Amino acid sequence: MAASALDIDSLRAGHTPTRGEMAWMVLAMSAPAILAELSTTLMQYIDAAMVGSLGAHATASIGIVESTIWLLDGLAGCMAAGFTVQVAQLVGAGRDEDARNVFRQAIVVMLGIGIALAVGGVAVSSRVPAWLGADTQLHADASRYFLVCSCAIVPLALARLGTGMLQCSGDMRTPSALNVLSCVLDVCFNAVFLSGPEGIGLGPVTLPVPGLNLGVVGAALGTLCAQTVTAALLLWCACLRSERLAFRERGTWLPAASTMRPAWAVSWPMLLERVVTSSAYVACTAIVAPLGVVAVAANSLAITAEAVCYMPGYGIETAATTIVGQVVGARRRDLARSFARLATVLGMLVMTASGVVMFVLAPQIMAMLTPDVAVRALGAQVLRIEAFAEPLFAASMVVAGALRGAGDTLVPSIISLASMWGVRITLMAVLAPVWGLPGVWAAMAFELCVRGALFLVRLLRDRWLDRVD
């Protein structure tokens, strides 16, 4: 068996790789996803810098509704996970035709979910900024940004499904490449929609790209256009080009109970977690909003900047979900445990290193995102607080991905719910009036450490492996 890829047929036949081979497989499957995350983060930086060049008002207008957009996005992602985990296990069991039928039905369901979420988002778009306690001067731009981003939920839901399906079938490179393309397209569309006649600022440089000068709405339109193109390409690759998933014969498109029950069993704890944790993010935004425009802008940009730390964790988490899901389908309990633990160790090591980089370079990172001196200083301060949480943040991410591959989502969701509301929000409410935004981020860092420790306990106790038998 080649040590550079997961040969599920060989593993199903009884082959047991060495620890070195396993580590290489995790890294080989993580690398495309990490590259995609790296590109995504770079483009997010450029995106944020483009909006940041418009001033703290524009950044704050987007930052105030970001957490609510994450809620809509997360709901779509959770439902997609129910189908992708099912496909990973079916591929591991050698049941490719059943996997293709699950994929067909998932497209129908995710299209319906995306439309429902988009309609709901559009309906409440004018009220969201006021609900979050935003300064009245931010309401108009924030509402318009949220409305357009709500429309983007439909292609985003389909893009998440296409990405997950390709990854869980073992193809990490195609979705990674297309998600990199999505980031490039986002920046290109932003340049067209955001720029004025004289161009647009990108840090100390002005790009001489004349555009429509639509302000923050232009950033949302850029996202909508980029996601639409990406979703179309992902589904084309999955439906027509994928070795295991391509629709070569007729199959069942009508959602069946045999597909929906296991999908729902995986998804409902994640959906509950997402609703409650995203509500916690909304509560966090409401806690930050009274701290002023500078604090809201610094909070939003620091969240973008922090992505440079956790992008490797997301890549390894994705690989863990795919590998554990397939070996669970192959009924290899021994390998499920080994791969999950190894991936967790690798994730913690990599994110510890990236946390050190973020701590050292925090001022320079913030300087790339905004010309506002006050926003830069506050953002760098909170980034350095967060850097200490990165090792255990990695543990929570990678362990969650591995457990998801085994279909274990209820207990991890309970852990996340208890940690977010019992620790993070409580501490934020206490510390924000005293220490301002640094107090908010100190609470966040402490909560991530608590959550990571609880996930490690769940992993090491091995109760999640009962699903393999």
Protein backbone atom coordinates (compact mmCIF):
# COMPACT_ATOMS: atom_id res chain seq x y z
CA MET A 1 0.00 0.00 0.00
CA ALA A 2 1.31 3.44 -0.89
CA ALA A 3 2.17 5.40 2.20
CA SER A 4 1.14 8.67 0.60
CA ALA A 5 -2.58 7.97 0.33
CA LEU A 6 -5.39 6.15 2.06
CA ASP A 7 -5.88 2.85 0.23
CA ILE A 8 -9.21 1.86 1.74
CA ASP A 9 -9.41 -1.37 -0.26
CA SER A 10 -6.12 -2.53 1.25
CA LEU A 11 -7.18 -1.55 4.76
CA ARG A 12 -10.49 -3.35 4.32
CA ALA A 13 -8.54 -6.45 3.31
CA GLY A 14 -6.69 -6.41 6.63
CA HIS A 15 -3.48 -4.46 5.98
CA THR A 16 -2.20 -2.57 9.04
CA PRO A 17 0.11 0.36 8.22
CA THR A 18 3.06 1.31 10.41
CA ARG A 19 2.85 4.42 12.58
CA GLY A 20 5.10 6.25 10.14
CA GLU A 21 2.84 5.31 7.23
CA MET A 22 -0.21 6.43 9.18
CA ALA A 23 1.38 9.80 9.97
CA TRP A 24 2.29 10.24 6.32
CA MET A 25 -1.26 9.38 5.24
CA VAL A 26 -2.75 11.94 7.63
CA LEU A 27 -0.33 14.61 6.42
CA ALA A 28 -0.81 13.70 2.75
CA MET A 29 -4.59 13.98 3.08
CA SER A 30 -4.30 17.13 5.20
CA ALA A 31 -1.92 18.95 2.87
CA PRO A 32 -4.44 19.89 0.14
CA ALA A 33 -6.95 21.06 2.75
CA ILE A 34 -4.26 23.05 4.58
CA LEU A 35 -3.19 24.62 1.29
CA ALA A 36 -6.80 25.56 0.62
CA GLU A 37 -7.11 27.04 4.12
CA LEU A 38 -3.85 28.94 3.60
CA SER A 39 -5.14 30.40 0.35
CA THR A 40 -8.51 31.11 1.94
CA THR A 41 -6.85 32.91 4.81
CA LEU A 42 -4.65 34.93 2.48
CA MET A 43 -7.66 35.97 0.45
CA GLN A 44 -9.60 36.77 3.65
CA TYR A 45 -6.73 39.04 4.63
CA ILE A 46 -6.87 40.75 1.25
CA ASP A 47 -10.68 40.91 1.47
CA ALA A 48 -10.50 42.42 4.96
CA ALA A 49 -7.81 44.88 3.83
CA MET A 50 -10.01 46.00 0.93
CA VAL A 51 -12.93 46.66 3.26
CA GLY A 52 -10.58 48.06 5.91
CA SER A 53 -9.37 50.66 3.43
CA LEU A 54 -12.91 52.07 3.49
CA GLY A 55 -12.52 52.88 7.20
CA ALA A 56 -13.51 51.54 10.64
CA HIS A 57 -17.19 52.22 9.90
CA ALA A 58 -17.23 49.78 6.98
CA THR A 59 -15.33 47.12 8.93
CA ALA A 60 -17.63 47.48 11.93
CA SER A 61 -20.74 47.30 9.72
CA ILE A 62 -19.64 43.88 8.51
CA GLY A 63 -18.31 42.75 11.88
CA ILE A 64 -21.59 43.39 13.67
CA VAL A 65 -23.52 40.87 11.54
CA GLU A 66 -20.76 38.33 10.86
CA SER A 67 -21.76 36.06 13.73
CA THR A 68 -25.35 35.83 12.46
CA ILE A 69 -24.11 34.98 8.96
CA TRP A 70 -21.99 32.22 10.55
CA LEU A 71 -25.19 30.86 12.09
CA LEU A 72 -26.88 30.49 8.69
CA ASP A 73 -23.71 29.08 7.14
CA GLY A 74 -23.25 26.67 10.05
CA LEU A 75 -26.77 25.30 9.81
CA ALA A 76 -26.19 24.39 6.17
CA GLY A 77 -22.79 22.89 6.98
CA CYS A 78 -24.18 20.70 9.78
CA MET A 79 -26.83 19.17 7.56
CA ALA A 80 -24.27 18.56 4.82
CA ALA A 81 -22.08 16.73 7.37
CA GLY A 82 -24.84 14.21 7.99
CA PHE A 83 -24.67 13.15 4.36
CA THR A 84 -20.89 13.34 3.93
CA VAL A 85 -20.15 11.17 6.97
CA GLN A 86 -22.62 8.64 5.61
CA VAL A 87 -20.85 8.66 2.24
CA ALA A 88 -17.41 8.23 3.87
CA GLN A 89 -18.62 5.14 5.71
CA LEU A 90 -20.32 3.70 2.62
CA VAL A 91 -17.14 4.21 0.57
CA GLY A 92 -15.17 2.51 3.33
CA ALA A 93 -17.56 -0.43 3.17
CA GLY A 94 -17.19 -0.66 -0.63
CA ARG A 95 -20.83 0.36 -1.29
CA ASP A 96 -20.19 3.01 -3.95
CA GLU A 97 -23.62 2.80 -5.57
CA ASP A 98 -25.32 3.43 -2.23
CA ALA A 99 -22.95 6.36 -1.71
CA ARG A 100 -24.02 7.84 -5.05
CA ASN A 101 -27.70 7.56 -4.13
CA VAL A 102 -27.05 9.34 -0.83
CA PHE A 103 -25.30 12.08 -2.79
CA ARG A 104 -28.22 12.50 -5.17
CA GLN A 105 -30.70 12.83 -2.35
CA ALA A 106 -28.38 15.18 -0.47
CA ILE A 107 -28.37 17.61 -3.39
CA VAL A 108 -32.16 17.85 -3.27
CA VAL A 109 -32.24 18.30 0.50
CA MET A 110 -29.41 20.85 0.62
CA LEU A 111 -30.98 22.92 -2.14
CA GLY A 112 -34.20 23.10 -0.12
CA ILE A 113 -32.34 23.95 3.09
CA GLY A 114 -30.33 26.66 1.36
CA ILE A 115 -33.45 28.31 -0.05
CA ALA A 116 -35.22 28.19 3.33
CA LEU A 117 -32.24 29.76 5.13
CA ALA A 118 -31.87 32.44 2.45
CA VAL A 119 -35.53 33.41 2.67
CA GLY A 120 -35.34 33.59 6.45
CA GLY A 121 -32.19 35.72 6.34
CA VAL A 122 -33.65 38.16 3.82
CA ALA A 123 -36.84 38.47 5.91
CA VAL A 124 -34.98 39.59 9.05
CA SER A 125 -32.08 41.49 7.43
CA SER A 126 -33.43 44.94 8.29
CA ARG A 127 -33.79 44.05 11.98
CA VAL A 128 -30.57 42.15 12.72
CA PRO A 129 -28.26 45.14 13.48
CA ALA A 130 -30.76 46.58 15.97
CA TRP A 131 -31.20 43.18 17.63
CA LEU A 132 -27.44 43.02 18.12
CA GLY A 133 -27.29 46.46 19.74
CA ALA A 134 -25.27 48.05 16.94
CA ASP A 135 -24.68 51.79 16.81
CA THR A 136 -27.45 53.34 14.69
CA GLN A 137 -24.88 54.72 12.23
CA LEU A 138 -24.04 51.12 11.28
CA HIS A 139 -27.60 49.90 10.69
CA ALA A 140 -28.03 50.72 7.00
CA ASP A 141 -24.78 49.21 5.72
CA ALA A 142 -24.96 46.21 8.06
CA SER A 143 -28.54 45.41 6.98
CA ARG A 144 -27.70 45.57 3.28
CA TYR A 145 -24.59 43.44 3.76
CA PHE A 146 -26.58 40.82 5.67
CA LEU A 147 -29.33 40.73 3.03
CA VAL A 148 -26.93 39.98 0.17
CA CYS A 149 -24.98 37.42 2.23
CA SER A 150 -28.27 35.68 3.04
CA CYS A 151 -28.84 35.20 -0.69
CA ALA A 152 -25.37 33.65 -0.92
CA ILE A 153 -26.41 30.86 1.49
CA VAL A 154 -27.93 28.83 -1.38
CA PRO A 155 -24.71 28.42 -3.41
CA LEU A 156 -22.71 28.22 -0.19
CA ALA A 157 -24.80 25.25 1.03
CA LEU A 158 -24.26 23.45 -2.27
CA ALA A 159 -20.55 24.29 -2.21
CA ARG A 160 -20.25 22.81 1.28
CA LEU A 161 -22.00 19.66 0.10
CA GLY A 162 -19.79 19.33 -2.99
CA THR A 163 -16.64 19.92 -0.95
CA GLY A 164 -17.63 17.40 1.71
CA MET A 165 -18.66 14.74 -0.77
CA LEU A 166 -15.40 14.90 -2.71
CA GLN A 167 -13.34 14.89 0.48
CA CYS A 168 -15.16 11.96 2.05
CA SER A 169 -14.81 9.96 -1.15
CA GLY A 170 -11.04 10.37 -0.76
CA ASP A 171 -10.49 13.25 -3.22
CA MET A 172 -8.88 16.05 -1.20
CA ARG A 173 -7.16 17.85 -4.07
CA THR A 174 -10.11 18.85 -6.26
CA PRO A 175 -12.19 20.61 -3.58
CA SER A 176 -9.07 22.25 -2.17
CA ALA A 177 -8.12 23.63 -5.58
CA LEU A 178 -11.65 24.88 -6.23
CA ASN A 179 -11.91 26.53 -2.83
CA VAL A 180 -8.63 28.30 -3.55
CA LEU A 181 -10.20 29.46 -6.81
CA SER A 182 -13.22 30.67 -4.84
CA CYS A 183 -10.98 32.93 -2.77
CA VAL A 184 -9.31 34.35 -5.86
CA LEU A 185 -12.70 34.98 -7.44
CA ASP A 186 -13.92 36.66 -4.25
CA VAL A 187 -11.06 39.14 -4.35
CA CYS A 188 -11.53 39.77 -8.07
CA PHE A 189 -15.24 40.38 -7.70
CA ASN A 190 -14.59 42.58 -4.65
CA ALA A 191 -12.18 44.68 -6.70
CA VAL A 192 -14.96 45.27 -9.24
CA PHE A 193 -17.74 45.96 -6.73
CA LEU A 194 -15.76 47.82 -4.04
CA SER A 195 -13.42 50.04 -6.06
CA GLY A 196 -14.12 53.63 -6.90
CA PRO A 197 -12.94 55.42 -10.04
CA GLU A 198 -9.44 55.84 -8.54
CA GLY A 199 -9.10 52.18 -7.47
CA ILE A 200 -9.02 50.63 -4.00
CA GLY A 201 -6.48 50.46 -1.20
CA LEU A 202 -4.76 47.22 -0.24
CA GLY A 203 -2.63 48.04 2.78
CA PRO A 204 -0.11 50.69 1.69
CA VAL A 205 -0.79 49.97 -2.01
CA THR A 206 -3.59 51.34 -4.17
CA LEU A 207 -4.83 48.95 -6.84
CA PRO A 208 -5.72 50.97 -9.97
CA VAL A 209 -8.87 48.93 -10.65
CA PRO A 210 -11.89 51.13 -11.37
CA GLY A 211 -15.11 49.63 -10.11
CA LEU A 212 -18.69 50.26 -9.05
CA ASN A 213 -17.86 51.79 -5.64
CA LEU A 214 -20.65 49.89 -3.81
CA GLY A 215 -19.01 49.91 -0.38
CA VAL A 216 -19.77 47.06 2.02
CA VAL A 217 -22.56 45.79 -0.23
CA GLY A 218 -19.90 45.22 -2.87
CA ALA A 219 -18.07 42.85 -0.52
CA ALA A 220 -21.26 40.80 -0.10
CA LEU A 221 -21.88 40.73 -3.85
CA GLY A 222 -18.32 39.51 -4.36
CA THR A 223 -18.98 36.62 -1.98
CA LEU A 224 -22.26 35.77 -3.71
CA CYS A 225 -20.70 35.66 -7.18
CA ALA A 226 -17.63 33.71 -6.06
CA GLN A 227 -19.68 31.11 -4.19
CA THR A 228 -22.06 30.63 -7.11
CA VAL A 229 -19.22 29.85 -9.53
CA THR A 230 -17.50 27.59 -6.99
CA ALA A 231 -20.66 25.63 -6.16
CA ALA A 232 -21.29 24.95 -9.85
CA LEU A 233 -17.74 23.69 -10.38
CA LEU A 234 -17.74 21.52 -7.24
CA LEU A 235 -21.00 19.83 -8.16
CA TRP A 236 -19.82 19.33 -11.73
CA CYS A 237 -16.68 17.58 -10.49
CA ALA A 238 -18.53 15.48 -7.94
CA CYS A 239 -21.47 14.51 -10.14
CA LEU A 240 -19.62 13.93 -13.40
CA ARG A 241 -15.89 13.50 -12.74
CA SER A 242 -15.49 11.76 -9.38
CA GLU A 243 -14.16 8.21 -9.53
CA ARG A 244 -16.52 6.95 -6.83
CA LEU A 245 -19.45 9.40 -6.92
CA ALA A 246 -20.04 10.27 -10.59
CA PHE A 247 -23.61 9.58 -11.74
CA ARG A 248 -22.93 6.99 -14.44
CA GLU A 249 -26.25 5.19 -14.03
CA ARG A 250 -29.74 6.11 -12.94
CA GLY A 251 -30.34 6.41 -9.25
CA THR A 252 -32.78 7.67 -6.61
CA TRP A 253 -33.18 11.44 -6.19
CA LEU A 254 -36.22 11.37 -3.92
CA PRO A 255 -35.06 11.58 -0.28
CA ALA A 256 -35.66 8.19 1.36
CA ALA A 257 -35.99 7.27 5.02
CA SER A 258 -32.96 4.96 4.74
CA THR A 259 -30.86 8.00 3.82
CA MET A 260 -32.49 10.65 5.99
CA ARG A 261 -32.48 8.70 9.26
CA PRO A 262 -28.69 8.20 9.50
CA ALA A 263 -28.07 11.69 8.12
CA TRP A 264 -30.35 13.16 10.76
CA ALA A 265 -28.76 11.02 13.50
CA VAL A 266 -25.39 12.63 12.73
CA SER A 267 -26.74 16.12 11.97
CA TRP A 268 -29.22 16.89 14.72
CA PRO A 269 -26.71 17.11 17.57
CA MET A 270 -24.50 19.26 15.34
CA LEU A 271 -27.46 21.44 14.37
CA LEU A 272 -28.41 21.90 18.01
CA GLU A 273 -24.80 22.72 18.85
CA ARG A 274 -24.56 25.15 15.95
CA VAL A 275 -27.76 26.97 16.88
CA VAL A 276 -26.70 27.33 20.50
CA THR A 277 -23.02 28.10 19.85
CA SER A 278 -23.83 30.50 17.03
CA SER A 279 -26.32 32.13 19.36
CA ALA A 280 -23.38 32.40 21.73
CA TYR A 281 -21.37 34.12 18.99
CA VAL A 282 -24.29 36.49 18.49
CA ALA A 283 -24.28 37.10 22.26
CA CYS A 284 -20.53 37.77 22.04
CA THR A 285 -21.19 40.35 19.34
CA ALA A 286 -23.84 41.96 21.54
CA ILE A 287 -21.27 42.10 24.38
CA VAL A 288 -18.64 43.70 22.11
CA ALA A 289 -21.01 46.16 20.39
CA PRO A 290 -21.32 48.59 23.33
CA LEU A 291 -17.51 48.83 23.51
CA GLY A 292 -17.53 51.14 20.46
CA VAL A 293 -16.73 51.17 16.75
CA VAL A 294 -12.98 50.67 17.26
CA ALA A 295 -13.56 47.60 19.43
CA VAL A 296 -16.05 46.10 16.97
CA ALA A 297 -13.66 46.70 14.05
CA ALA A 298 -10.66 45.31 15.96
CA ASN A 299 -12.67 42.27 17.03
CA SER A 300 -13.78 41.55 13.46
CA LEU A 301 -10.28 41.94 11.98
CA ALA A 302 -8.63 39.95 14.77
CA ILE A 303 -10.99 37.05 14.07
CA THR A 304 -9.89 37.17 10.43
CA ALA A 305 -6.24 37.41 11.47
CA GLU A 306 -6.50 34.45 13.84
CA ALA A 307 -7.39 32.22 10.91
CA VAL A 308 -3.68 32.00 10.10
CA CYS A 309 -3.33 29.91 13.27
CA TYR A 310 -6.20 27.50 12.96
CA MET A 311 -6.10 26.85 9.20
CA PRO A 312 -3.75 23.84 9.67
CA GLY A 313 -6.12 22.50 12.31
CA TYR A 314 -9.05 22.63 9.90
CA GLY A 315 -7.02 20.80 7.28
CA ILE A 316 -6.10 18.01 9.69
CA GLU A 317 -9.67 17.93 11.04
CA THR A 318 -10.97 17.35 7.50
CA ALA A 319 -8.47 14.54 6.96
CA ALA A 320 -9.44 12.99 10.31
CA THR A 321 -13.13 12.96 9.39
CA THR A 322 -12.42 11.32 6.04
CA ILE A 323 -9.94 8.72 7.30
CA VAL A 324 -11.85 7.74 10.44
CA GLY A 325 -15.12 7.62 8.49
CA GLN A 326 -13.68 5.27 5.90
CA VAL A 327 -11.92 2.95 8.37
CA VAL A 328 -15.12 2.82 10.45
CA GLY A 329 -16.94 1.75 7.29
CA ALA A 330 -14.26 -0.92 6.82
CA ARG A 331 -14.84 -2.08 10.44
CA ARG A 332 -11.23 -1.39 11.51
CA ARG A 333 -11.67 -0.33 15.14
CA ASP A 334 -7.93 -0.51 15.79
CA LEU A 335 -7.13 1.89 12.98
CA ALA A 336 -9.94 4.29 13.91
CA ARG A 337 -8.39 4.76 17.36
CA SER A 338 -4.84 5.07 16.04
CA PHE A 339 -5.66 7.51 13.26
CA ALA A 340 -7.76 9.70 15.57
CA ARG A 341 -5.03 9.97 18.21
CA LEU A 342 -2.25 10.52 15.72
CA ALA A 343 -4.17 13.24 13.87
CA THR A 344 -4.85 15.00 17.19
CA VAL A 345 -1.17 15.05 18.15
CA LEU A 346 -0.18 16.37 14.72
CA GLY A 347 -2.84 19.08 14.88
CA MET A 348 -1.71 20.25 18.30
CA LEU A 349 1.94 20.40 17.26
CA VAL A 350 1.23 22.36 14.10
CA MET A 351 -1.11 24.85 15.76
CA THR A 352 1.29 25.39 18.64
CA ALA A 353 3.89 26.49 16.10
CA SER A 354 1.41 28.76 14.31
CA GLY A 355 0.37 30.24 17.66
CA VAL A 356 3.98 31.25 18.31
CA VAL A 357 4.11 32.93 14.90
CA MET A 358 0.88 34.81 15.59
CA PHE A 359 2.13 36.04 18.96
CA VAL A 360 5.37 37.38 17.50
CA LEU A 361 3.89 38.93 14.36
CA ALA A 362 0.55 40.21 15.72
CA PRO A 363 1.29 43.93 15.08
CA GLN A 364 2.48 43.27 11.53
CA ILE A 365 -0.55 41.07 10.80
CA MET A 366 -2.99 43.76 11.94
CA ALA A 367 -1.08 46.41 9.98
CA MET A 368 -1.85 44.47 6.78
CA LEU A 369 -5.58 44.62 7.50
CA THR A 370 -6.30 48.24 8.40
CA PRO A 371 -4.66 51.68 8.30
CA ASP A 372 -6.46 52.69 11.53
CA VAL A 373 -3.80 52.92 14.27
CA ALA A 374 -6.22 52.40 17.17
CA VAL A 375 -7.75 49.32 15.55
CA ARG A 376 -4.28 47.92 14.84
CA ALA A 377 -3.10 48.29 18.43
CA LEU A 378 -6.19 46.76 20.00
CA GLY A 379 -6.29 43.91 17.47
CA ALA A 380 -2.65 42.99 18.09
CA GLN A 381 -3.25 42.95 21.85
CA VAL A 382 -6.13 40.48 21.65
CA LEU A 383 -4.34 38.27 19.10
CA ARG A 384 -1.51 37.76 21.56
CA ILE A 385 -4.00 36.72 24.22
CA GLU A 386 -5.56 34.16 21.90
CA ALA A 387 -2.20 32.67 20.86
CA PHE A 388 -1.93 30.82 24.19
CA ALA A 389 -5.11 28.84 23.46
CA GLU A 390 -4.07 27.44 20.08
CA PRO A 391 -2.75 23.98 21.20
CA LEU A 392 -5.97 23.01 22.97
CA PHE A 393 -8.05 24.74 20.29
CA ALA A 394 -6.39 22.31 17.88
CA ALA A 395 -7.36 19.38 20.10
CA SER A 396 -11.02 20.41 20.09
CA MET A 397 -11.05 20.79 16.30
CA VAL A 398 -9.26 17.59 15.29
CA VAL A 399 -10.93 15.37 17.90
CA ALA A 400 -14.34 16.70 16.81
CA GLY A 401 -13.49 15.83 13.19
CA ALA A 402 -12.37 12.30 14.08
CA LEU A 403 -15.46 11.64 16.22
CA ARG A 404 -17.67 13.00 13.44
CA GLY A 405 -16.18 10.44 11.06
CA ALA A 406 -17.28 7.72 13.49
CA GLY A 407 -20.77 9.21 13.68
CA ASP A 408 -20.26 10.36 17.28
CA THR A 409 -21.73 13.88 17.38
CA LEU A 410 -24.05 14.01 20.40
CA VAL A 411 -21.48 14.09 23.23
CA PRO A 412 -19.12 16.47 21.35
CA SER A 413 -22.07 18.79 20.78
CA ILE A 414 -22.96 18.73 24.47
CA ILE A 415 -19.35 19.54 25.36
CA SER A 416 -19.32 22.51 23.00
CA LEU A 417 -22.67 23.80 24.26
CA ALA A 418 -21.68 23.61 27.92
CA SER A 419 -18.30 25.18 27.27
CA MET A 420 -19.58 28.06 25.14
CA TRP A 421 -22.44 29.11 27.39
CA GLY A 422 -21.17 27.93 30.75
CA VAL A 423 -17.65 29.32 30.39
CA ARG A 424 -17.19 31.74 27.48
CA ILE A 425 -20.33 33.86 27.62
CA THR A 426 -20.36 33.99 31.41
CA LEU A 427 -16.75 35.15 31.57
CA MET A 428 -17.21 37.62 28.71
CA ALA A 429 -20.16 39.25 30.45
CA VAL A 430 -18.06 39.64 33.61
CA LEU A 431 -14.78 40.75 32.01
CA ALA A 432 -15.96 43.00 29.14
CA PRO A 433 -17.14 45.90 31.37
CA VAL A 434 -13.85 45.75 33.30
CA TRP A 435 -11.18 45.03 30.68
CA GLY A 436 -12.98 45.81 27.42
CA LEU A 437 -12.10 43.80 24.32
CA PRO A 438 -9.00 42.17 25.92
CA GLY A 439 -11.31 40.78 28.60
CA VAL A 440 -13.58 39.34 25.91
CA TRP A 441 -10.66 37.58 24.23
CA ALA A 442 -9.22 36.35 27.54
CA ALA A 443 -12.56 34.68 28.21
CA MET A 444 -12.50 33.18 24.71
CA ALA A 445 -8.97 31.81 25.15
CA PHE A 446 -9.78 30.25 28.53
CA GLU A 447 -12.93 28.61 27.14
CA LEU A 448 -11.03 27.11 24.19
CA CYS A 449 -8.59 25.52 26.63
CA VAL A 450 -11.42 24.04 28.69
CA ARG A 451 -13.14 22.71 25.58
CA GLY A 452 -9.93 21.19 24.21
CA ALA A 453 -9.25 19.39 27.49
CA LEU A 454 -12.77 17.93 27.54
CA PHE A 455 -12.44 16.71 23.95
CA LEU A 456 -9.14 15.01 24.78
CA VAL A 457 -10.84 13.16 27.65
CA ARG A 458 -13.58 12.02 25.24
CA LEU A 459 -10.99 10.79 22.74
CA LEU A 460 -8.86 8.89 25.24
CA ARG A 461 -11.76 7.12 26.95
CA ASP A 462 -12.58 5.35 23.63
CA ARG A 463 -16.33 5.18 24.22
CA TRP A 464 -16.88 6.68 20.78
CA LEU A 465 -15.40 3.48 19.32
CA ASP A 466 -18.50 1.54 20.32
CA ARG A 467 -20.02 2.80 17.05
CA VAL A 468 -17.40 0.87 15.06
CA ASP A 469 -18.57 -2.57 16.19
